[in-house]
Amino acid sequence: MRRATLIAALLSALAIPAAPAPAATWVSYPRVLQQIRSTPLIWAVVNRGPAHVEIKFHDLSEWKASYPRSEQARLLQLLHARHVRVIFATPRARHAAPVTVHHHLRYIAAGVLAALLVSGAAFYLYSRRRRGVTVPGAGAPER
């Protein structure tokens, strides 16, 4: 009875879908600066490419803002002064064009291997002939 209740409680807990994380709210850059100066933050993500900054508060809400490129040094100085963990976003790597494969070395290796096999077979047949081993059916015709 106790085991069935425990299993039912676990299954009902697993059946409850997790709430999706709220998306970051876009705000103005001066408002983000004000929050950096006055509110404790968990971290800040600075994306230098499009000049965006994203800050995360202790209540797990997030704000995003575009900043002028000339303000990047000031922004980073303020974040470091407030001891906020700064993460620099890197642009995603673009998929490189597939490299054409040149099979020249494979062809050379296959040619060398074929030459070795042919010369090995020739040496084998020549050494059998010199030792006097006859191949059945290859001798002189019988009368």
N, C-alpha and C. Protein backbone atom coordinates (compact mmCIF):
# COMPACT_ATOMS: atom_id res chain seq x y z
N MET A 1 0.83 -1.18 0.00
CA MET A 1 0.00 0.00 0.00
C MET A 1 0.87 1.25 0.00
N ARG A 2 1.88 1.23 0.87
CA ARG A 2 2.77 2.39 0.97
C ARG A 2 3.59 2.54 -0.31
N ARG A 3 4.03 1.41 -0.89
CA ARG A 3 4.80 1.44 -2.12
C ARG A 3 3.95 1.97 -3.28
N ALA A 4 2.70 1.56 -3.35
CA ALA A 4 1.82 2.04 -4.42
C ALA A 4 1.60 3.55 -4.31
N THR A 5 1.47 4.07 -3.12
CA THR A 5 1.29 5.51 -2.93
C THR A 5 2.55 6.27 -3.35
N LEU A 6 3.70 5.72 -3.00
CA LEU A 6 4.96 6.34 -3.37
C LEU A 6 5.13 6.36 -4.89
N ILE A 7 4.81 5.26 -5.55
CA ILE A 7 4.93 5.18 -7.00
C ILE A 7 3.96 6.15 -7.65
N ALA A 8 2.74 6.25 -7.15
CA ALA A 8 1.76 7.18 -7.70
C ALA A 8 2.22 8.62 -7.55
N ALA A 9 2.83 8.94 -6.41
CA ALA A 9 3.33 10.31 -6.20
C ALA A 9 4.47 10.63 -7.15
N LEU A 10 5.37 9.67 -7.37
CA LEU A 10 6.49 9.88 -8.29
C LEU A 10 6.00 10.05 -9.73
N LEU A 11 5.05 9.22 -10.13
CA LEU A 11 4.52 9.32 -11.49
C LEU A 11 3.78 10.63 -11.71
N SER A 12 3.04 11.09 -10.71
CA SER A 12 2.33 12.36 -10.87
C SER A 12 3.31 13.53 -10.91
N ALA A 13 4.43 13.42 -10.19
CA ALA A 13 5.44 14.48 -10.23
C ALA A 13 6.12 14.52 -11.59
N LEU A 14 6.33 13.34 -12.18
CA LEU A 14 6.95 13.30 -13.50
C LEU A 14 5.99 13.75 -14.59
N ALA A 15 4.71 13.61 -14.39
CA ALA A 15 3.74 13.96 -15.40
C ALA A 15 3.53 15.47 -15.50
N ILE A 16 3.90 16.22 -14.47
CA ILE A 16 3.72 17.66 -14.51
C ILE A 16 4.80 18.26 -15.40
N PRO A 17 4.41 18.93 -16.48
CA PRO A 17 5.43 19.48 -17.37
C PRO A 17 6.15 20.65 -16.70
N ALA A 18 7.42 20.77 -17.00
CA ALA A 18 8.21 21.87 -16.44
C ALA A 18 7.82 23.17 -17.14
N ALA A 19 7.78 24.23 -16.38
CA ALA A 19 7.44 25.54 -16.96
C ALA A 19 8.59 26.01 -17.83
N PRO A 20 8.28 26.51 -19.01
CA PRO A 20 9.35 26.99 -19.87
C PRO A 20 10.00 28.24 -19.28
N ALA A 21 11.26 28.38 -19.52
CA ALA A 21 11.98 29.54 -19.01
C ALA A 21 11.51 30.78 -19.76
N PRO A 22 11.26 31.86 -19.04
CA PRO A 22 10.81 33.08 -19.72
C PRO A 22 11.91 33.64 -20.60
N ALA A 23 11.51 34.20 -21.71
CA ALA A 23 12.49 34.78 -22.62
C ALA A 23 13.01 36.09 -22.06
N ALA A 24 14.17 36.47 -22.50
CA ALA A 24 14.76 37.72 -22.03
C ALA A 24 13.95 38.90 -22.55
N THR A 25 13.81 39.92 -21.70
CA THR A 25 13.05 41.12 -22.02
C THR A 25 14.00 42.15 -22.61
N TRP A 26 13.63 42.72 -23.75
CA TRP A 26 14.46 43.76 -24.37
C TRP A 26 14.13 45.09 -23.71
N VAL A 27 15.14 45.77 -23.23
CA VAL A 27 14.98 47.08 -22.58
C VAL A 27 16.02 48.03 -23.17
N SER A 28 15.95 49.29 -22.75
CA SER A 28 16.90 50.28 -23.26
C SER A 28 18.24 50.14 -22.54
N TYR A 29 19.29 50.62 -23.19
CA TYR A 29 20.63 50.53 -22.62
C TYR A 29 20.76 51.33 -21.33
N PRO A 30 20.22 52.56 -21.23
CA PRO A 30 20.32 53.28 -19.95
C PRO A 30 19.64 52.54 -18.80
N ARG A 31 18.57 51.84 -19.09
CA ARG A 31 17.87 51.08 -18.04
C ARG A 31 18.74 49.91 -17.56
N VAL A 32 19.43 49.27 -18.48
CA VAL A 32 20.34 48.17 -18.12
C VAL A 32 21.48 48.71 -17.26
N LEU A 33 22.04 49.87 -17.65
CA LEU A 33 23.10 50.47 -16.85
C LEU A 33 22.63 50.78 -15.43
N GLN A 34 21.41 51.28 -15.32
CA GLN A 34 20.85 51.58 -14.00
C GLN A 34 20.74 50.31 -13.16
N GLN A 35 20.30 49.21 -13.75
CA GLN A 35 20.16 47.95 -13.03
C GLN A 35 21.53 47.39 -12.63
N ILE A 36 22.52 47.56 -13.51
CA ILE A 36 23.87 47.07 -13.19
C ILE A 36 24.41 47.82 -11.98
N ARG A 37 24.15 49.12 -11.93
CA ARG A 37 24.65 49.94 -10.81
C ARG A 37 23.94 49.65 -9.50
N SER A 38 22.65 49.26 -9.55
CA SER A 38 21.87 49.21 -8.31
C SER A 38 21.45 47.81 -7.87
N THR A 39 21.39 46.84 -8.76
CA THR A 39 20.84 45.53 -8.43
C THR A 39 21.92 44.47 -8.50
N PRO A 40 21.93 43.53 -7.55
CA PRO A 40 22.90 42.43 -7.66
C PRO A 40 22.52 41.51 -8.83
N LEU A 41 23.52 41.14 -9.59
CA LEU A 41 23.30 40.31 -10.77
C LEU A 41 24.04 38.99 -10.63
N ILE A 42 23.57 37.98 -11.37
CA ILE A 42 24.25 36.68 -11.39
C ILE A 42 25.38 36.74 -12.41
N TRP A 43 25.06 37.13 -13.63
CA TRP A 43 26.06 37.22 -14.68
C TRP A 43 25.60 38.16 -15.77
N ALA A 44 26.52 38.48 -16.65
CA ALA A 44 26.22 39.29 -17.82
C ALA A 44 26.89 38.64 -19.02
N VAL A 45 26.18 38.61 -20.11
CA VAL A 45 26.72 38.08 -21.36
C VAL A 45 26.90 39.25 -22.31
N VAL A 46 28.12 39.43 -22.78
CA VAL A 46 28.43 40.51 -23.70
C VAL A 46 28.71 39.88 -25.06
N ASN A 47 27.92 40.27 -26.04
CA ASN A 47 28.10 39.78 -27.40
C ASN A 47 28.66 40.93 -28.21
N ARG A 48 29.94 40.86 -28.51
CA ARG A 48 30.61 41.97 -29.18
C ARG A 48 30.19 42.12 -30.63
N GLY A 49 29.82 41.04 -31.26
CA GLY A 49 29.46 41.11 -32.68
C GLY A 49 28.33 42.10 -32.93
N PRO A 50 27.13 41.79 -32.48
CA PRO A 50 26.03 42.73 -32.70
C PRO A 50 25.91 43.79 -31.60
N ALA A 51 26.84 43.83 -30.66
CA ALA A 51 26.86 44.79 -29.55
C ALA A 51 25.60 44.67 -28.70
N HIS A 52 25.39 43.47 -28.16
CA HIS A 52 24.28 43.21 -27.24
C HIS A 52 24.83 42.84 -25.88
N VAL A 53 24.08 43.18 -24.84
CA VAL A 53 24.42 42.75 -23.49
C VAL A 53 23.17 42.11 -22.90
N GLU A 54 23.38 41.04 -22.16
CA GLU A 54 22.27 40.33 -21.50
C GLU A 54 22.66 40.17 -20.04
N ILE A 55 21.76 40.58 -19.14
CA ILE A 55 22.04 40.46 -17.72
C ILE A 55 21.01 39.55 -17.08
N LYS A 56 21.43 38.82 -16.06
CA LYS A 56 20.54 37.90 -15.36
C LYS A 56 20.50 38.27 -13.89
N PHE A 57 19.28 38.43 -13.38
CA PHE A 57 19.06 38.82 -12.00
C PHE A 57 18.97 37.59 -11.11
N HIS A 58 18.96 37.81 -9.81
CA HIS A 58 18.86 36.70 -8.85
C HIS A 58 17.49 36.04 -8.88
N ASP A 59 16.47 36.74 -9.38
CA ASP A 59 15.15 36.10 -9.50
C ASP A 59 15.03 35.33 -10.82
N LEU A 60 16.16 35.17 -11.52
CA LEU A 60 16.31 34.41 -12.76
C LEU A 60 15.64 35.07 -13.97
N SER A 61 15.25 36.32 -13.85
CA SER A 61 14.76 37.04 -15.02
C SER A 61 15.95 37.60 -15.79
N GLU A 62 15.76 37.83 -17.06
CA GLU A 62 16.85 38.28 -17.92
C GLU A 62 16.42 39.51 -18.71
N TRP A 63 17.36 40.41 -18.92
CA TRP A 63 17.15 41.58 -19.74
C TRP A 63 18.21 41.61 -20.82
N LYS A 64 17.82 42.09 -21.98
CA LYS A 64 18.75 42.27 -23.09
C LYS A 64 18.67 43.71 -23.55
N ALA A 65 19.80 44.19 -24.05
CA ALA A 65 19.83 45.55 -24.60
C ALA A 65 20.95 45.65 -25.61
N SER A 66 20.76 46.53 -26.57
CA SER A 66 21.82 46.86 -27.51
C SER A 66 22.57 48.06 -26.95
N TYR A 67 23.88 48.04 -27.04
CA TYR A 67 24.66 49.15 -26.54
C TYR A 67 25.49 49.73 -27.68
N PRO A 68 25.79 51.02 -27.60
CA PRO A 68 26.67 51.60 -28.62
C PRO A 68 28.07 51.02 -28.49
N ARG A 69 28.71 50.78 -29.60
CA ARG A 69 30.04 50.18 -29.57
C ARG A 69 31.04 51.03 -28.79
N SER A 70 30.84 52.32 -28.79
CA SER A 70 31.76 53.20 -28.06
C SER A 70 31.62 53.04 -26.55
N GLU A 71 30.53 52.43 -26.08
CA GLU A 71 30.27 52.25 -24.65
C GLU A 71 30.76 50.91 -24.11
N GLN A 72 31.37 50.09 -24.95
CA GLN A 72 31.75 48.74 -24.52
C GLN A 72 32.76 48.77 -23.38
N ALA A 73 33.76 49.61 -23.47
CA ALA A 73 34.77 49.67 -22.41
C ALA A 73 34.15 50.12 -21.09
N ARG A 74 33.27 51.10 -21.15
CA ARG A 74 32.60 51.60 -19.94
C ARG A 74 31.71 50.51 -19.33
N LEU A 75 31.00 49.79 -20.18
CA LEU A 75 30.13 48.71 -19.71
C LEU A 75 30.95 47.63 -19.00
N LEU A 76 32.04 47.20 -19.62
CA LEU A 76 32.87 46.16 -19.01
C LEU A 76 33.51 46.63 -17.71
N GLN A 77 33.92 47.89 -17.67
CA GLN A 77 34.50 48.44 -16.44
C GLN A 77 33.47 48.44 -15.32
N LEU A 78 32.24 48.82 -15.63
CA LEU A 78 31.18 48.83 -14.63
C LEU A 78 30.86 47.42 -14.13
N LEU A 79 30.80 46.46 -15.05
CA LEU A 79 30.51 45.08 -14.66
C LEU A 79 31.62 44.52 -13.76
N HIS A 80 32.86 44.79 -14.11
CA HIS A 80 33.98 44.29 -13.29
C HIS A 80 34.01 44.98 -11.93
N ALA A 81 33.67 46.25 -11.90
CA ALA A 81 33.66 46.98 -10.62
C ALA A 81 32.58 46.43 -9.69
N ARG A 82 31.48 45.95 -10.26
CA ARG A 82 30.38 45.39 -9.45
C ARG A 82 30.59 43.90 -9.19
N HIS A 83 31.70 43.33 -9.64
CA HIS A 83 32.04 41.91 -9.45
C HIS A 83 30.99 40.98 -10.06
N VAL A 84 30.55 41.36 -11.24
CA VAL A 84 29.58 40.54 -11.98
C VAL A 84 30.36 39.63 -12.92
N ARG A 85 30.00 38.39 -12.94
CA ARG A 85 30.66 37.42 -13.83
C ARG A 85 30.30 37.78 -15.27
N VAL A 86 31.31 38.00 -16.08
CA VAL A 86 31.09 38.41 -17.47
C VAL A 86 31.44 37.24 -18.39
N ILE A 87 30.52 36.94 -19.27
CA ILE A 87 30.72 35.89 -20.27
C ILE A 87 30.71 36.57 -21.63
N PHE A 88 31.70 36.27 -22.44
CA PHE A 88 31.75 36.84 -23.78
C PHE A 88 31.22 35.81 -24.76
N ALA A 89 30.19 36.18 -25.46
CA ALA A 89 29.59 35.29 -26.46
C ALA A 89 30.45 35.32 -27.70
N THR A 90 30.70 34.15 -28.24
CA THR A 90 31.49 34.06 -29.47
C THR A 90 30.55 33.75 -30.61
N PRO A 91 30.85 34.24 -31.78
CA PRO A 91 29.99 33.93 -32.92
C PRO A 91 30.06 32.44 -33.23
N ARG A 92 28.98 31.91 -33.70
CA ARG A 92 28.94 30.49 -34.04
C ARG A 92 29.81 30.23 -35.26
N ALA A 93 30.48 29.12 -35.22
CA ALA A 93 31.36 28.77 -36.33
C ALA A 93 30.50 28.40 -37.53
N ARG A 94 30.90 28.93 -38.65
CA ARG A 94 30.18 28.60 -39.89
C ARG A 94 30.71 27.27 -40.40
N HIS A 95 29.82 26.54 -41.02
CA HIS A 95 30.23 25.26 -41.57
C HIS A 95 31.09 25.52 -42.80
N ALA A 96 32.26 24.95 -42.79
CA ALA A 96 33.16 25.12 -43.92
C ALA A 96 32.67 24.27 -45.09
N ALA A 97 33.01 24.72 -46.26
CA ALA A 97 32.66 23.97 -47.46
C ALA A 97 33.36 22.62 -47.40
N PRO A 98 32.71 21.58 -47.85
CA PRO A 98 33.35 20.27 -47.80
C PRO A 98 34.64 20.27 -48.63
N VAL A 99 35.66 19.70 -48.07
CA VAL A 99 36.96 19.66 -48.72
C VAL A 99 36.97 18.51 -49.71
N THR A 100 37.44 18.81 -50.91
CA THR A 100 37.52 17.75 -51.91
C THR A 100 38.65 16.81 -51.53
N VAL A 101 38.39 15.54 -51.63
CA VAL A 101 39.37 14.54 -51.25
C VAL A 101 40.10 14.09 -52.51
N HIS A 102 41.40 14.16 -52.44
CA HIS A 102 42.21 13.69 -53.56
C HIS A 102 42.68 12.28 -53.23
N HIS A 103 42.39 11.38 -54.12
CA HIS A 103 42.67 9.97 -53.88
C HIS A 103 44.00 9.53 -54.49
N HIS A 104 44.88 10.46 -54.78
CA HIS A 104 46.13 10.09 -55.43
C HIS A 104 46.92 9.07 -54.61
N LEU A 105 47.02 9.29 -53.31
CA LEU A 105 47.81 8.37 -52.48
C LEU A 105 47.17 6.99 -52.44
N ARG A 106 45.86 6.94 -52.45
CA ARG A 106 45.20 5.63 -52.47
C ARG A 106 45.50 4.88 -53.76
N TYR A 107 45.47 5.61 -54.88
CA TYR A 107 45.76 4.96 -56.15
C TYR A 107 47.20 4.48 -56.20
N ILE A 108 48.12 5.26 -55.68
CA ILE A 108 49.53 4.85 -55.67
C ILE A 108 49.71 3.62 -54.79
N ALA A 109 49.09 3.61 -53.61
CA ALA A 109 49.21 2.46 -52.71
C ALA A 109 48.60 1.21 -53.35
N ALA A 110 47.46 1.37 -54.02
CA ALA A 110 46.83 0.22 -54.68
C ALA A 110 47.72 -0.30 -55.81
N GLY A 111 48.37 0.60 -56.55
CA GLY A 111 49.26 0.17 -57.63
C GLY A 111 50.47 -0.57 -57.10
N VAL A 112 51.06 -0.08 -56.00
CA VAL A 112 52.21 -0.76 -55.40
C VAL A 112 51.80 -2.13 -54.89
N LEU A 113 50.65 -2.20 -54.24
CA LEU A 113 50.17 -3.49 -53.73
C LEU A 113 49.92 -4.47 -54.87
N ALA A 114 49.32 -4.00 -55.96
CA ALA A 114 49.07 -4.88 -57.11
C ALA A 114 50.40 -5.35 -57.71
N ALA A 115 51.39 -4.46 -57.81
CA ALA A 115 52.69 -4.86 -58.35
C ALA A 115 53.35 -5.90 -57.47
N LEU A 116 53.24 -5.72 -56.13
CA LEU A 116 53.81 -6.71 -55.23
C LEU A 116 53.11 -8.07 -55.36
N LEU A 117 51.80 -8.07 -55.50
CA LEU A 117 51.07 -9.33 -55.67
C LEU A 117 51.45 -10.03 -56.96
N VAL A 118 51.56 -9.27 -58.05
CA VAL A 118 51.92 -9.87 -59.33
C VAL A 118 53.33 -10.41 -59.29
N SER A 119 54.27 -9.64 -58.72
CA SER A 119 55.66 -10.13 -58.66
C SER A 119 55.77 -11.32 -57.70
N GLY A 120 55.01 -11.32 -56.60
CA GLY A 120 55.01 -12.47 -55.70
C GLY A 120 54.47 -13.72 -56.37
N ALA A 121 53.39 -13.59 -57.14
CA ALA A 121 52.83 -14.73 -57.85
C ALA A 121 53.80 -15.24 -58.92
N ALA A 122 54.46 -14.32 -59.61
CA ALA A 122 55.42 -14.72 -60.64
C ALA A 122 56.61 -15.44 -60.01
N PHE A 123 57.10 -14.92 -58.89
CA PHE A 123 58.22 -15.57 -58.20
C PHE A 123 57.83 -16.96 -57.73
N TYR A 124 56.63 -17.11 -57.20
CA TYR A 124 56.15 -18.41 -56.73
C TYR A 124 56.08 -19.41 -57.88
N LEU A 125 55.50 -19.01 -58.98
CA LEU A 125 55.40 -19.92 -60.12
C LEU A 125 56.79 -20.25 -60.69
N TYR A 126 57.68 -19.29 -60.77
CA TYR A 126 59.02 -19.52 -61.30
C TYR A 126 59.81 -20.46 -60.38
N SER A 127 59.69 -20.29 -59.04
CA SER A 127 60.43 -21.15 -58.13
C SER A 127 59.87 -22.58 -58.17
N ARG A 128 58.59 -22.77 -58.37
CA ARG A 128 58.02 -24.12 -58.49
C ARG A 128 58.54 -24.81 -59.74
N ARG A 129 58.68 -24.05 -60.79
CA ARG A 129 59.12 -24.63 -62.06
C ARG A 129 60.59 -25.05 -61.97
N ARG A 130 61.41 -24.25 -61.27
CA ARG A 130 62.84 -24.57 -61.16
C ARG A 130 63.05 -25.78 -60.28
N ARG A 131 62.21 -26.01 -59.28
CA ARG A 131 62.38 -27.15 -58.40
C ARG A 131 61.91 -28.44 -59.06
N GLY A 132 61.28 -28.35 -60.16
CA GLY A 132 60.83 -29.54 -60.86
C GLY A 132 59.46 -30.00 -60.44
N VAL A 133 58.72 -29.19 -59.75
CA VAL A 133 57.37 -29.57 -59.36
C VAL A 133 56.49 -29.33 -60.56
N THR A 134 55.80 -30.38 -60.92
CA THR A 134 54.94 -30.24 -62.08
C THR A 134 53.52 -30.03 -61.63
N VAL A 135 52.89 -29.32 -62.43
CA VAL A 135 51.47 -29.07 -62.16
C VAL A 135 50.69 -30.17 -62.84
N PRO A 136 49.75 -30.79 -62.11
CA PRO A 136 48.98 -31.89 -62.75
C PRO A 136 48.30 -31.39 -64.01
N GLY A 137 48.43 -32.19 -65.06
CA GLY A 137 47.78 -31.85 -66.32
C GLY A 137 48.60 -30.92 -67.17
N ALA A 138 49.76 -30.45 -66.66
CA ALA A 138 50.59 -29.53 -67.44
C ALA A 138 51.80 -30.24 -68.04
N GLY A 139 51.95 -31.52 -67.78
CA GLY A 139 53.11 -32.27 -68.27
C GLY A 139 52.94 -32.63 -69.75
N ALA A 140 53.86 -33.52 -70.19
CA ALA A 140 53.84 -33.97 -71.57
C ALA A 140 52.65 -34.89 -71.76
N PRO A 141 52.10 -34.90 -72.93
CA PRO A 141 50.96 -35.76 -73.18
C PRO A 141 51.36 -37.23 -73.16
N GLU A 142 50.52 -38.06 -72.62
CA GLU A 142 50.80 -39.48 -72.54
C GLU A 142 50.43 -40.14 -73.84
N ARG A 143 51.18 -41.26 -74.16
CA ARG A 143 50.92 -41.96 -75.41
C ARG A 143 50.01 -43.08 -75.25
